Structures are given as structure tokens and as C-alpha cells.
Amino acid sequence: MKYIARISWVILMLPILFFQLAHANLPPEHQTPKIDFYTEHFPPFAIDDQFEILGESVDLVRTMQRLLGQPDTIRIKPWARAYQKVLREPNSALFLTARTPAREALFKWVGPLTRDRVSLCQHKSDQNKYDDINLLDKDIHIAVTRGYPEQAALEKLGFNHIKLTNTPNSTINQLLKKRVTLISCSPKTLWDLLIQNATPTDEIHLTNIDLYEVELYIAFNHQTLDKTIHAWQHALELSKQSREYIELND
């Protein structure tokens, strides 16, 4: 059985290996340029443990870099700062980025890499039941990470007290310290963030309010050549057979 499993793995990896060889033999004028990648500390997608950058989305982007013969250029920065860098700097990209109508023309896109859901969360000591965003008091205090789509969504709904933070960890800390009533959070990442904070995982509860579901992409600087975007998209399609893609979408 082990032998059969090894054969099956090799068969699955053959398209990736052929693509690597083909791309490695392309003349220099057809190679894709080096891209500087940015992401944020957002477990389990991306984790900065001071010595190296880890995480499910990081692993997938590195798989794509290897397919294209690209070096590992991934760096972690606060989201708003990384977002502005990729808006300004050619040959740069940001992941995982929610592809929203407001952002559509600002970047060129490769993906989707995965999907996510964003909800409102409350402290476990809060006995209120939150079921309908339209019934929330517009003066309720809500913390969100600066530059995330929920900031614009809540502003559009007319909420008056939106506390902006620089990182998802800071957003969670605002609720743990009871400086706000609600925060935006991803159910997929909440548990990991609490563990990173050395916080009991039952301290924060999901409400019944979902703000949106979204597909997450790599956002490339808008000056990136279309042929470069096509090469990265093709690398992603090949990577969908990889362990890294499967784990990100598990």
C-alpha cells in the first residue's frame, strides 16, 4: 500500500514538475520578474515567530514561487502599511486580500486562494444576544483592523464608534480589555489568534451576525504585466494539487 501511495503522489506531482522544468528553460525575456510579497501576522494563514515566517497561505505562495523559479521574498508588515506599499510599488503583491468591488481596479488579481467569513464577536461576559446588524445601536463601539473591508461596510451602515487597530491581535485585545462591545473576526482564525495571545479560547464568542463571505486573492500592483499575472495564475492552478493548497482550504 505504501508503494501505491508513493506512485499516486508522483503522478499528482508530475504536472508541477513538468511546469518547473519548462519554466526553468524559458529564455530570460520570458521569465517573470521577481515579486516582493507582503502579508500580515494572521494565524493560521501567516505567522511571524521572529525567526521565520510560517503559515498556510505562506506555504502556498512559496509553492507557487518554486514553480516559477522565484526566490522567497515574503515579508510581514501591518496590513495597512503593506496595502499602501503594494499600491505604490511595482513588482509587489499582497496576500491574502479580499477582492471587493472597491478594490477591483486598484490591483491585478491572482486567485482565489481560499474563502473566508467575517462575523461580529462579543466577550463571553456580554449576555446580550446579537442577531441582526440592522437592530444594533449605531453608537455601539466596534473594533476592526484598519483597512479591512468591514471598516467600509460598517461605516456605510452608519456606525459612529468604530475603533481602528493596526493588527487582528490588537482588535482582539480591545474586546478582551472591554474597551469595545463587538469586534469583527474570522471564525477560521479566531481560535489561533486567542492561542497566540495566551488567552482561553472561550473568552470570545461569535454572534449570529455575519458581515460577509469573501474570496481571498493575491493582489498585485496594478502596473504588473498581464503575462506575469497569467504565469502566477497558472502556478496557482497547478498548486491546487498540492498539500499546501488542500491544507489552506481544509
Protein backbone atom coordinates (compact mmCIF):
# COMPACT_ATOMS: atom_id res chain seq x y z
CA MET A 1 0.00 0.00 0.00
CA LYS A 2 2.87 2.39 0.79
CA TYR A 3 4.32 1.73 -2.66
CA ILE A 4 0.97 2.50 -4.34
CA ALA A 5 0.65 5.69 -2.27
CA ARG A 6 4.11 6.84 -3.43
CA ILE A 7 3.19 6.16 -7.07
CA SER A 8 -0.06 8.12 -6.69
CA TRP A 9 1.81 11.06 -5.19
CA VAL A 10 4.32 11.07 -8.05
CA ILE A 11 1.51 11.02 -10.63
CA LEU A 12 -0.16 14.00 -8.93
CA MET A 13 3.11 15.92 -8.85
CA LEU A 14 4.08 15.30 -12.49
CA PRO A 15 2.28 18.39 -13.90
CA ILE A 16 4.05 20.56 -11.33
CA LEU A 17 7.44 19.02 -12.12
CA PHE A 18 6.92 19.47 -15.88
CA PHE A 19 5.92 23.08 -15.35
CA GLN A 20 9.01 23.73 -13.24
CA LEU A 21 11.27 22.29 -15.92
CA ALA A 22 9.53 24.17 -18.73
CA HIS A 23 9.67 27.46 -16.89
CA ALA A 24 13.30 26.99 -15.88
CA ASN A 25 14.23 26.61 -19.57
CA LEU A 26 12.45 29.75 -20.76
CA PRO A 27 14.70 32.48 -22.18
CA PRO A 28 15.32 35.42 -19.81
CA GLU A 29 12.96 37.77 -21.67
CA HIS A 30 10.04 35.44 -20.90
CA GLN A 31 10.80 34.89 -17.23
CA THR A 32 8.52 36.57 -14.73
CA PRO A 33 10.15 39.38 -12.69
CA LYS A 34 10.91 38.97 -9.01
CA ILE A 35 7.87 39.92 -6.95
CA ASP A 36 8.12 41.28 -3.40
CA PHE A 37 5.31 39.66 -1.39
CA TYR A 38 3.74 41.15 1.72
CA THR A 39 1.33 39.67 4.23
CA GLU A 40 0.42 40.25 7.88
CA HIS A 41 0.67 38.22 11.07
CA PHE A 42 -2.71 36.46 10.94
CA PRO A 43 -2.62 32.85 12.20
CA PRO A 44 -3.10 30.28 10.79
CA PHE A 45 -2.72 32.00 7.40
CA ALA A 46 0.58 33.76 8.21
CA ILE A 47 2.64 33.60 11.38
CA ASP A 48 5.67 35.70 12.32
CA ASP A 49 7.52 33.78 15.04
CA GLN A 50 10.52 36.23 14.94
CA PHE A 51 12.83 33.64 13.38
CA GLU A 52 10.84 32.72 10.28
CA ILE A 53 7.54 33.32 8.53
CA LEU A 54 5.16 30.37 8.61
CA GLY A 55 1.50 29.70 7.86
CA GLU A 56 -0.92 28.02 5.48
CA SER A 57 -1.13 30.84 2.94
CA VAL A 58 2.64 31.42 3.17
CA ASP A 59 3.27 27.76 2.32
CA LEU A 60 1.03 28.01 -0.74
CA VAL A 61 2.69 31.18 -2.06
CA ARG A 62 6.09 29.58 -1.57
CA THR A 63 4.91 26.58 -3.61
CA MET A 64 3.95 28.98 -6.40
CA GLN A 65 7.29 30.77 -6.12
CA ARG A 66 9.14 27.49 -6.53
CA LEU A 67 7.08 26.62 -9.60
CA LEU A 68 8.08 29.93 -11.19
CA GLY A 69 11.71 29.71 -10.12
CA GLN A 70 11.25 32.75 -7.87
CA PRO A 71 13.08 33.45 -4.59
CA ASP A 72 11.26 33.59 -1.26
CA THR A 73 10.57 37.32 -0.85
CA ILE A 74 7.71 37.14 1.68
CA ARG A 75 7.74 39.78 4.40
CA ILE A 76 5.27 40.51 7.21
CA LYS A 77 4.06 44.04 7.91
CA PRO A 78 0.92 45.58 9.45
CA TRP A 79 -1.90 45.30 6.95
CA ALA A 80 -2.49 49.00 6.25
CA ARG A 81 1.24 49.63 5.67
CA ALA A 82 1.61 46.60 3.38
CA TYR A 83 -1.52 47.60 1.47
CA GLN A 84 -0.14 51.06 0.75
CA LYS A 85 3.25 49.68 -0.32
CA VAL A 86 1.66 47.40 -2.90
CA LEU A 87 -0.50 50.25 -4.20
CA ARG A 88 2.68 52.27 -4.85
CA GLU A 89 5.47 49.80 -5.64
CA PRO A 90 5.80 47.94 -8.96
CA ASN A 91 6.55 44.22 -8.77
CA SER A 92 4.91 43.84 -5.37
CA ALA A 93 1.94 41.80 -4.14
CA LEU A 94 -0.22 41.39 -1.05
CA PHE A 95 -1.95 38.28 0.30
CA LEU A 96 -4.50 37.18 1.47
CA THR A 97 -6.54 40.09 0.09
CA ALA A 98 -10.32 40.23 -0.06
CA ARG A 99 -11.36 41.01 -3.63
CA THR A 100 -14.07 43.63 -3.22
CA PRO A 101 -15.70 45.99 -5.75
CA ALA A 102 -13.96 48.98 -4.15
CA ARG A 103 -10.55 47.35 -4.67
CA GLU A 104 -11.14 45.77 -8.07
CA ALA A 105 -9.45 48.44 -10.21
CA LEU A 106 -6.65 49.15 -7.72
CA PHE A 107 -4.82 45.85 -8.24
CA LYS A 108 -4.41 42.92 -10.59
CA TRP A 109 -5.59 39.66 -9.11
CA VAL A 110 -4.48 36.02 -8.84
CA GLY A 111 -6.79 33.57 -7.13
CA PRO A 112 -8.88 32.77 -5.35
CA LEU A 113 -6.56 31.06 -2.89
CA THR A 114 -9.33 30.37 -0.37
CA ARG A 115 -12.60 31.70 1.09
CA ASP A 116 -13.31 33.28 4.46
CA ARG A 117 -16.24 34.53 6.50
CA VAL A 118 -16.23 37.65 8.67
CA SER A 119 -18.54 37.89 11.69
CA LEU A 120 -19.07 40.09 14.71
CA CYS A 121 -17.84 38.69 18.03
CA GLN A 122 -18.59 39.52 21.67
CA HIS A 123 -16.94 38.96 25.04
CA LYS A 124 -18.16 35.92 26.95
CA SER A 125 -19.33 38.16 29.81
CA ASP A 126 -21.69 40.03 27.49
CA GLN A 127 -25.14 38.49 27.99
CA ASN A 128 -26.74 40.32 25.08
CA LYS A 129 -27.83 38.38 22.02
CA TYR A 130 -26.86 39.91 18.70
CA ASP A 131 -28.86 38.53 15.77
CA ASP A 132 -29.45 41.38 13.31
CA ILE A 133 -27.00 44.11 12.37
CA ASN A 134 -29.89 46.40 11.42
CA LEU A 135 -31.10 46.32 15.05
CA LEU A 136 -27.76 47.33 16.55
CA ASP A 137 -27.46 50.74 18.20
CA LYS A 138 -25.40 52.90 15.83
CA ASP A 139 -23.45 54.19 18.86
CA ILE A 140 -22.22 50.74 19.85
CA HIS A 141 -18.41 50.52 19.99
CA ILE A 142 -16.91 48.12 17.45
CA ALA A 143 -13.20 47.42 16.81
CA VAL A 144 -11.92 46.41 13.37
CA THR A 145 -8.48 46.15 11.82
CA ARG A 146 -7.61 49.25 9.82
CA GLY A 147 -8.09 48.83 6.07
CA TYR A 148 -10.14 45.64 6.28
CA PRO A 149 -13.35 45.58 4.18
CA GLU A 150 -15.51 45.52 7.32
CA GLN A 151 -14.33 49.04 8.12
CA ALA A 152 -16.02 50.39 4.98
CA ALA A 153 -19.03 48.11 5.46
CA LEU A 154 -19.68 49.36 9.00
CA GLU A 155 -19.07 52.98 8.04
CA LYS A 156 -21.58 52.63 5.21
CA LEU A 157 -24.15 51.30 7.70
CA GLY A 158 -23.70 54.43 9.79
CA PHE A 159 -21.95 53.15 12.92
CA ASN A 160 -20.48 56.09 14.83
CA HIS A 161 -17.86 54.50 17.07
CA ILE A 162 -15.55 52.30 15.02
CA LYS A 163 -12.22 51.72 16.74
CA LEU A 164 -9.45 51.10 14.19
CA THR A 165 -6.49 48.92 15.15
CA ASN A 166 -3.29 48.01 13.33
CA THR A 167 -3.48 44.22 13.68
CA PRO A 168 -6.06 41.48 14.32
CA ASN A 169 -4.34 40.81 17.68
CA SER A 170 -4.90 44.43 18.68
CA THR A 171 -8.55 44.13 17.65
CA ILE A 172 -9.00 41.13 19.93
CA ASN A 173 -7.24 42.93 22.80
CA GLN A 174 -9.72 45.80 22.55
CA LEU A 175 -12.51 43.33 23.33
CA LEU A 176 -10.58 41.42 25.99
CA LYS A 177 -9.98 44.74 27.80
CA LYS A 178 -13.68 45.60 27.29
CA ARG A 179 -12.89 48.85 25.53
CA VAL A 180 -15.43 47.93 22.84
CA THR A 181 -18.60 45.84 22.75
CA LEU A 182 -18.01 43.97 19.50
CA ILE A 183 -15.19 43.18 17.11
CA SER A 184 -15.02 41.82 13.60
CA CYS A 185 -13.35 38.43 13.34
CA SER A 186 -12.87 35.43 11.13
CA PRO A 187 -14.14 32.18 12.69
CA LYS A 188 -11.33 30.45 10.80
CA THR A 189 -8.62 32.45 12.57
CA LEU A 190 -10.16 33.39 15.94
CA TRP A 191 -9.02 30.27 17.81
CA ASP A 192 -5.43 30.63 16.56
CA LEU A 193 -5.29 34.31 17.49
CA LEU A 194 -6.52 33.58 21.01
CA ILE A 195 -3.91 30.84 21.40
CA GLN A 196 -1.22 33.27 20.18
CA ASN A 197 -2.41 35.72 22.84
CA ALA A 198 -2.25 33.01 25.52
CA THR A 199 -5.97 33.65 26.03
CA PRO A 200 -8.52 30.93 26.85
CA THR A 201 -10.39 30.08 23.68
CA ASP A 202 -13.80 30.59 25.29
CA GLU A 203 -13.18 34.28 26.12
CA ILE A 204 -14.68 35.48 22.83
CA HIS A 205 -17.87 34.17 21.26
CA LEU A 206 -19.28 34.51 17.76
CA THR A 207 -22.53 36.42 17.47
CA ASN A 208 -25.21 35.47 14.96
CA ILE A 209 -24.21 38.39 12.73
CA ASP A 210 -22.12 37.61 9.65
CA LEU A 211 -20.86 40.69 7.82
CA TYR A 212 -19.88 38.92 4.61
CA GLU A 213 -18.20 35.96 2.95
CA VAL A 214 -15.31 36.72 0.69
CA GLU A 215 -12.80 35.11 -1.64
CA LEU A 216 -9.17 35.83 -0.80
CA TYR A 217 -6.62 36.56 -3.52
CA ILE A 218 -3.09 37.74 -4.15
CA ALA A 219 -3.35 41.43 -5.07
CA PHE A 220 -0.56 42.56 -7.40
CA ASN A 221 0.48 46.16 -8.05
CA HIS A 222 -1.66 47.50 -10.92
CA GLN A 223 1.41 48.02 -13.16
CA THR A 224 2.18 44.29 -13.20
CA LEU A 225 2.25 42.93 -16.76
CA ASP A 226 -0.66 40.70 -17.75
CA LYS A 227 1.73 37.92 -18.79
CA THR A 228 3.12 37.92 -15.25
CA ILE A 229 -0.38 37.66 -13.80
CA HIS A 230 -1.16 34.78 -16.16
CA ALA A 231 2.03 32.95 -15.08
CA TRP A 232 1.15 33.28 -11.40
CA GLN A 233 -2.44 32.22 -12.03
CA HIS A 234 -1.18 29.15 -13.89
CA ALA A 235 1.14 28.35 -10.97
CA LEU A 236 -1.84 28.56 -8.64
CA GLU A 237 -3.89 26.20 -10.80
CA LEU A 238 -1.07 23.66 -10.70
CA SER A 239 -0.68 24.17 -6.96
CA LYS A 240 -4.28 23.09 -6.36
CA GLN A 241 -2.97 19.53 -6.42
CA SER A 242 -0.52 20.30 -3.62
CA ARG A 243 -0.72 19.59 0.10
CA GLU A 244 -0.33 23.32 0.75
CA TYR A 245 -3.48 24.25 -1.18
CA ILE A 246 -5.50 21.44 0.37
CA GLU A 247 -4.48 22.43 3.93
CA LEU A 248 -5.34 26.09 3.31
CA ASN A 249 -8.80 25.09 2.10
CA ASP A 250 -9.47 22.33 4.60
